[in-house]
Amino acid sequence: MLLESYALRIVAVLTLLFSSSCSTLITKTNAPIWPGRRYATSGLGHPFTGIRCEPLYFVGFAMYPPTLPLLPFIVADLPLSGVADVLFLPADIAIDEQKVWYPDRDCGMNFH
C-alpha cells in the first residue's frame, strides 16, 4: 500500500512538471521547442496560441521516437494550456497585435 501511494505521488509530480501549460508558455515567450529548432513567434496579442499549437507539438513529438513517452504529458497539458490561454486573454486583447499569426509557421515547428 505504501509503495502504491509513493508511486502515485511520483506520477503526480512528474505530470505537474511535464504538463505546466508549456505550449502557452512557449508561444508567449518565443521559447524554442528543443535545441536546434526554430523559436516560436511571440503569441502575445494573439488569443489561445497554446491551444492552437498543441496539436502540432503532439504530432512533432509523436514523429520523434525518443519523445514518445512524453505524449501522455502533452495530452494532459491541453487543459492546463487552455487555462493559461484564458489567463493571458486580457493581455492578448490589450496588445491587439495586427500581424497575422499562423500556427503552422509561428508555433516553432515547421513540417514543410
N, C-alpha and C. Protein backbone atom coordinates (compact mmCIF):
# COMPACT_ATOMS: atom_id res chain seq x y z
N MET A 1 0.82 -1.20 0.00
CA MET A 1 0.00 0.00 0.00
C MET A 1 0.86 1.26 0.00
N LEU A 2 1.91 1.25 0.80
CA LEU A 2 2.78 2.41 0.88
C LEU A 2 3.51 2.63 -0.45
N LEU A 3 3.93 1.54 -1.10
CA LEU A 3 4.62 1.64 -2.38
C LEU A 3 3.70 2.21 -3.46
N GLU A 4 2.44 1.79 -3.46
CA GLU A 4 1.48 2.30 -4.43
C GLU A 4 1.25 3.80 -4.22
N SER A 5 1.15 4.22 -2.97
CA SER A 5 0.97 5.63 -2.65
C SER A 5 2.18 6.45 -3.09
N TYR A 6 3.36 5.91 -2.86
CA TYR A 6 4.59 6.59 -3.25
C TYR A 6 4.68 6.70 -4.77
N ALA A 7 4.36 5.63 -5.49
CA ALA A 7 4.39 5.64 -6.95
C ALA A 7 3.38 6.64 -7.51
N LEU A 8 2.21 6.70 -6.90
CA LEU A 8 1.18 7.65 -7.34
C LEU A 8 1.65 9.09 -7.14
N ARG A 9 2.33 9.34 -6.05
CA ARG A 9 2.87 10.69 -5.81
C ARG A 9 3.93 11.06 -6.84
N ILE A 10 4.78 10.12 -7.18
CA ILE A 10 5.81 10.38 -8.18
C ILE A 10 5.17 10.68 -9.53
N VAL A 11 4.16 9.90 -9.91
CA VAL A 11 3.46 10.14 -11.17
C VAL A 11 2.79 11.51 -11.16
N ALA A 12 2.20 11.88 -10.03
CA ALA A 12 1.54 13.19 -9.93
C ALA A 12 2.55 14.33 -10.07
N VAL A 13 3.70 14.21 -9.42
CA VAL A 13 4.73 15.25 -9.51
C VAL A 13 5.27 15.35 -10.93
N LEU A 14 5.54 14.21 -11.57
CA LEU A 14 6.04 14.23 -12.95
C LEU A 14 5.01 14.83 -13.90
N THR A 15 3.75 14.52 -13.68
CA THR A 15 2.70 15.09 -14.53
C THR A 15 2.65 16.60 -14.38
N LEU A 16 2.77 17.10 -13.16
CA LEU A 16 2.77 18.56 -12.96
C LEU A 16 4.01 19.22 -13.55
N LEU A 17 5.15 18.54 -13.47
CA LEU A 17 6.37 19.11 -14.02
C LEU A 17 6.34 19.17 -15.54
N PHE A 18 5.88 18.08 -16.17
CA PHE A 18 5.88 18.00 -17.62
C PHE A 18 4.65 18.62 -18.26
N SER A 19 3.63 18.87 -17.48
CA SER A 19 2.38 19.42 -18.02
C SER A 19 2.08 20.73 -17.30
N SER A 20 2.81 21.73 -17.62
CA SER A 20 2.65 23.00 -16.92
C SER A 20 2.18 24.10 -17.86
N SER A 21 1.24 23.78 -18.72
CA SER A 21 0.76 24.70 -19.75
C SER A 21 1.92 25.19 -20.60
N CYS A 22 2.85 24.27 -20.88
CA CYS A 22 4.07 24.67 -21.57
C CYS A 22 3.82 25.16 -22.99
N SER A 23 2.79 24.67 -23.67
CA SER A 23 2.58 25.17 -25.04
C SER A 23 2.20 26.64 -25.01
N THR A 24 1.45 27.08 -24.02
CA THR A 24 1.14 28.50 -23.90
C THR A 24 2.39 29.29 -23.55
N LEU A 25 3.19 28.79 -22.62
CA LEU A 25 4.41 29.49 -22.23
C LEU A 25 5.39 29.57 -23.39
N ILE A 26 5.49 28.51 -24.19
CA ILE A 26 6.38 28.51 -25.35
C ILE A 26 5.93 29.58 -26.35
N THR A 27 4.64 29.61 -26.65
CA THR A 27 4.17 30.53 -27.69
C THR A 27 4.13 31.98 -27.21
N LYS A 28 4.04 32.20 -25.93
CA LYS A 28 4.01 33.59 -25.43
C LYS A 28 5.40 34.16 -25.18
N THR A 29 6.43 33.31 -25.08
CA THR A 29 7.76 33.78 -24.70
C THR A 29 8.83 33.58 -25.76
N ASN A 30 8.48 33.13 -26.94
CA ASN A 30 9.46 32.86 -28.02
C ASN A 30 10.43 31.75 -27.66
N ALA A 31 10.06 30.85 -26.79
CA ALA A 31 10.96 29.77 -26.37
C ALA A 31 11.11 28.74 -27.48
N PRO A 32 12.29 28.10 -27.60
CA PRO A 32 12.44 27.03 -28.60
C PRO A 32 11.78 25.76 -28.09
N ILE A 33 11.33 24.93 -29.01
CA ILE A 33 10.72 23.65 -28.64
C ILE A 33 11.79 22.74 -28.07
N TRP A 34 12.91 22.56 -28.77
CA TRP A 34 14.07 21.85 -28.28
C TRP A 34 15.27 22.39 -29.04
N PRO A 35 16.49 22.12 -28.58
CA PRO A 35 17.68 22.69 -29.22
C PRO A 35 17.73 22.37 -30.72
N GLY A 36 18.15 23.35 -31.48
CA GLY A 36 18.27 23.17 -32.92
C GLY A 36 17.01 23.49 -33.69
N ARG A 37 15.93 23.81 -33.01
CA ARG A 37 14.66 24.14 -33.67
C ARG A 37 14.45 25.64 -33.67
N ARG A 38 13.53 26.07 -34.56
CA ARG A 38 13.17 27.48 -34.62
C ARG A 38 12.54 27.91 -33.30
N TYR A 39 12.66 29.18 -33.02
CA TYR A 39 11.94 29.75 -31.89
C TYR A 39 10.50 30.01 -32.30
N ALA A 40 9.59 29.90 -31.37
CA ALA A 40 8.20 30.26 -31.64
C ALA A 40 8.11 31.77 -31.80
N THR A 41 7.25 32.22 -32.68
CA THR A 41 6.98 33.64 -32.83
C THR A 41 6.13 34.08 -31.65
N SER A 42 6.37 35.26 -31.14
CA SER A 42 5.62 35.71 -29.97
C SER A 42 4.12 35.67 -30.22
N GLY A 43 3.43 34.98 -29.35
CA GLY A 43 1.98 34.87 -29.46
C GLY A 43 1.25 35.95 -28.69
N LEU A 44 1.99 36.89 -28.09
CA LEU A 44 1.32 37.97 -27.36
C LEU A 44 0.50 38.80 -28.34
N GLY A 45 -0.72 39.05 -27.98
CA GLY A 45 -1.63 39.78 -28.85
C GLY A 45 -2.46 38.86 -29.73
N HIS A 46 -2.23 37.56 -29.60
CA HIS A 46 -2.98 36.56 -30.36
C HIS A 46 -3.60 35.57 -29.37
N PRO A 47 -4.90 35.57 -29.20
CA PRO A 47 -5.54 34.70 -28.20
C PRO A 47 -5.39 33.21 -28.51
N PHE A 48 -5.27 32.44 -27.46
CA PHE A 48 -5.31 30.98 -27.49
C PHE A 48 -4.23 30.35 -28.36
N THR A 49 -3.02 30.89 -28.31
CA THR A 49 -1.93 30.30 -29.09
C THR A 49 -1.51 28.94 -28.54
N GLY A 50 -1.57 28.75 -27.25
CA GLY A 50 -1.19 27.47 -26.67
C GLY A 50 -2.07 26.34 -27.15
N ILE A 51 -3.38 26.57 -27.14
CA ILE A 51 -4.33 25.56 -27.60
C ILE A 51 -4.15 25.31 -29.10
N ARG A 52 -3.89 26.36 -29.85
CA ARG A 52 -3.76 26.21 -31.30
C ARG A 52 -2.47 25.49 -31.69
N CYS A 53 -1.43 25.56 -30.87
CA CYS A 53 -0.17 24.89 -31.17
C CYS A 53 -0.10 23.46 -30.62
N GLU A 54 -0.93 23.15 -29.68
CA GLU A 54 -0.87 21.83 -29.03
C GLU A 54 -0.90 20.67 -30.03
N PRO A 55 -1.79 20.67 -31.03
CA PRO A 55 -1.78 19.54 -31.99
C PRO A 55 -0.46 19.43 -32.76
N LEU A 56 0.15 20.55 -33.10
CA LEU A 56 1.44 20.49 -33.79
C LEU A 56 2.53 19.91 -32.89
N TYR A 57 2.52 20.28 -31.62
CA TYR A 57 3.50 19.73 -30.70
C TYR A 57 3.29 18.23 -30.52
N PHE A 58 2.03 17.82 -30.45
CA PHE A 58 1.72 16.39 -30.30
C PHE A 58 2.27 15.61 -31.49
N VAL A 59 2.01 16.08 -32.69
CA VAL A 59 2.49 15.40 -33.90
C VAL A 59 4.01 15.43 -33.95
N GLY A 60 4.61 16.57 -33.61
CA GLY A 60 6.06 16.68 -33.63
C GLY A 60 6.73 15.70 -32.67
N PHE A 61 6.19 15.58 -31.47
CA PHE A 61 6.76 14.63 -30.52
C PHE A 61 6.47 13.19 -30.93
N ALA A 62 5.33 12.94 -31.54
CA ALA A 62 4.99 11.59 -31.98
C ALA A 62 5.89 11.12 -33.13
N MET A 63 6.40 12.05 -33.91
CA MET A 63 7.27 11.71 -35.04
C MET A 63 8.71 11.44 -34.61
N TYR A 64 9.06 11.79 -33.41
CA TYR A 64 10.43 11.64 -32.91
C TYR A 64 10.42 10.57 -31.82
N PRO A 65 10.81 9.33 -32.13
CA PRO A 65 10.64 8.20 -31.21
C PRO A 65 11.16 8.39 -29.78
N PRO A 66 12.30 9.05 -29.53
CA PRO A 66 12.74 9.20 -28.14
C PRO A 66 11.77 10.01 -27.26
N THR A 67 10.90 10.80 -27.88
CA THR A 67 9.98 11.61 -27.09
C THR A 67 8.60 10.97 -26.94
N LEU A 68 8.41 9.77 -27.46
CA LEU A 68 7.10 9.11 -27.36
C LEU A 68 6.60 8.97 -25.92
N PRO A 69 7.47 8.70 -24.93
CA PRO A 69 6.97 8.61 -23.55
C PRO A 69 6.37 9.92 -23.03
N LEU A 70 6.65 11.04 -23.69
CA LEU A 70 6.11 12.33 -23.24
C LEU A 70 4.71 12.61 -23.77
N LEU A 71 4.21 11.83 -24.71
CA LEU A 71 2.91 12.09 -25.31
C LEU A 71 1.76 12.17 -24.29
N PRO A 72 1.72 11.30 -23.28
CA PRO A 72 0.63 11.46 -22.29
C PRO A 72 0.68 12.80 -21.56
N PHE A 73 1.89 13.33 -21.36
CA PHE A 73 2.01 14.62 -20.70
C PHE A 73 1.52 15.75 -21.60
N ILE A 74 1.71 15.60 -22.91
CA ILE A 74 1.22 16.60 -23.84
C ILE A 74 -0.30 16.61 -23.84
N VAL A 75 -0.89 15.43 -23.78
CA VAL A 75 -2.36 15.35 -23.69
C VAL A 75 -2.85 15.98 -22.39
N ALA A 76 -2.15 15.70 -21.29
CA ALA A 76 -2.53 16.29 -20.00
C ALA A 76 -2.31 17.80 -19.99
N ASP A 77 -1.40 18.28 -20.83
CA ASP A 77 -1.10 19.70 -20.89
C ASP A 77 -2.20 20.51 -21.57
N LEU A 78 -3.04 19.87 -22.37
CA LEU A 78 -4.06 20.60 -23.13
C LEU A 78 -5.00 21.42 -22.24
N PRO A 79 -5.62 20.85 -21.20
CA PRO A 79 -6.49 21.69 -20.37
C PRO A 79 -5.72 22.76 -19.59
N LEU A 80 -4.48 22.46 -19.20
CA LEU A 80 -3.68 23.46 -18.50
C LEU A 80 -3.33 24.62 -19.42
N SER A 81 -3.05 24.32 -20.68
CA SER A 81 -2.79 25.39 -21.64
C SER A 81 -4.05 26.20 -21.89
N GLY A 82 -5.20 25.54 -21.87
CA GLY A 82 -6.46 26.27 -22.02
C GLY A 82 -6.65 27.27 -20.90
N VAL A 83 -6.35 26.86 -19.67
CA VAL A 83 -6.46 27.77 -18.53
C VAL A 83 -5.47 28.92 -18.67
N ALA A 84 -4.23 28.59 -19.03
CA ALA A 84 -3.22 29.65 -19.19
C ALA A 84 -3.60 30.60 -20.31
N ASP A 85 -4.15 30.07 -21.41
CA ASP A 85 -4.58 30.94 -22.50
C ASP A 85 -5.69 31.90 -22.05
N VAL A 86 -6.60 31.40 -21.22
CA VAL A 86 -7.67 32.27 -20.70
C VAL A 86 -7.08 33.33 -19.79
N LEU A 87 -6.07 32.98 -18.99
CA LEU A 87 -5.43 33.96 -18.11
C LEU A 87 -4.68 35.03 -18.92
N PHE A 88 -4.12 34.64 -20.08
CA PHE A 88 -3.42 35.58 -20.94
C PHE A 88 -4.38 36.41 -21.80
N LEU A 89 -5.65 36.03 -21.87
CA LEU A 89 -6.60 36.66 -22.77
C LEU A 89 -6.70 38.19 -22.59
N PRO A 90 -6.80 38.71 -21.36
CA PRO A 90 -6.85 40.19 -21.23
C PRO A 90 -5.63 40.88 -21.83
N ALA A 91 -4.45 40.30 -21.62
CA ALA A 91 -3.23 40.89 -22.20
C ALA A 91 -3.26 40.78 -23.72
N ASP A 92 -3.71 39.64 -24.23
CA ASP A 92 -3.78 39.47 -25.69
C ASP A 92 -4.73 40.48 -26.32
N ILE A 93 -5.84 40.74 -25.67
CA ILE A 93 -6.80 41.71 -26.18
C ILE A 93 -6.24 43.13 -26.09
N ALA A 94 -5.55 43.43 -24.98
CA ALA A 94 -4.99 44.77 -24.79
C ALA A 94 -3.87 45.06 -25.78
N ILE A 95 -3.07 44.07 -26.11
CA ILE A 95 -1.94 44.28 -27.03
C ILE A 95 -2.43 44.49 -28.46
N ASP A 96 -3.43 43.76 -28.88
CA ASP A 96 -4.05 43.92 -30.20
C ASP A 96 -3.00 43.93 -31.31
N GLU A 97 -2.27 42.85 -31.42
CA GLU A 97 -1.25 42.68 -32.47
C GLU A 97 -1.93 42.63 -33.83
N GLN A 98 -1.42 43.39 -34.78
CA GLN A 98 -2.02 43.45 -36.11
C GLN A 98 -1.48 42.37 -37.05
N LYS A 99 -0.29 41.86 -36.78
CA LYS A 99 0.31 40.85 -37.64
C LYS A 99 -0.47 39.54 -37.52
N VAL A 100 -0.72 38.90 -38.64
CA VAL A 100 -1.44 37.62 -38.63
C VAL A 100 -0.52 36.55 -38.05
N TRP A 101 -1.09 35.71 -37.19
CA TRP A 101 -0.33 34.65 -36.52
C TRP A 101 -0.81 33.31 -37.05
N TYR A 102 0.10 32.55 -37.66
CA TYR A 102 -0.24 31.25 -38.25
C TYR A 102 0.35 30.13 -37.40
N PRO A 103 -0.49 29.23 -36.88
CA PRO A 103 0.06 28.13 -36.08
C PRO A 103 1.09 27.30 -36.84
N ASP A 104 0.87 27.08 -38.13
CA ASP A 104 1.79 26.26 -38.91
C ASP A 104 3.19 26.87 -38.97
N ARG A 105 3.28 28.17 -38.95
CA ARG A 105 4.55 28.85 -39.08
C ARG A 105 5.08 29.35 -37.73
N ASP A 106 4.19 29.79 -36.85
CA ASP A 106 4.60 30.55 -35.67
C ASP A 106 4.66 29.74 -34.37
N CYS A 107 4.35 28.47 -34.40
CA CYS A 107 4.44 27.65 -33.18
C CYS A 107 5.87 27.20 -32.88
N GLY A 108 6.78 27.40 -33.83
CA GLY A 108 8.15 26.96 -33.60
C GLY A 108 8.42 25.59 -34.19
N MET A 109 7.44 25.00 -34.84
CA MET A 109 7.63 23.71 -35.54
C MET A 109 7.14 23.89 -36.97
N ASN A 110 7.96 23.46 -37.89
CA ASN A 110 7.59 23.58 -39.30
C ASN A 110 7.74 22.22 -39.94
N PHE A 111 6.68 21.71 -40.49
CA PHE A 111 6.71 20.38 -41.08
C PHE A 111 6.89 20.43 -42.60
N HIS A 112 7.23 21.59 -43.14
CA HIS A 112 7.39 21.71 -44.60
C HIS A 112 8.83 21.51 -44.98
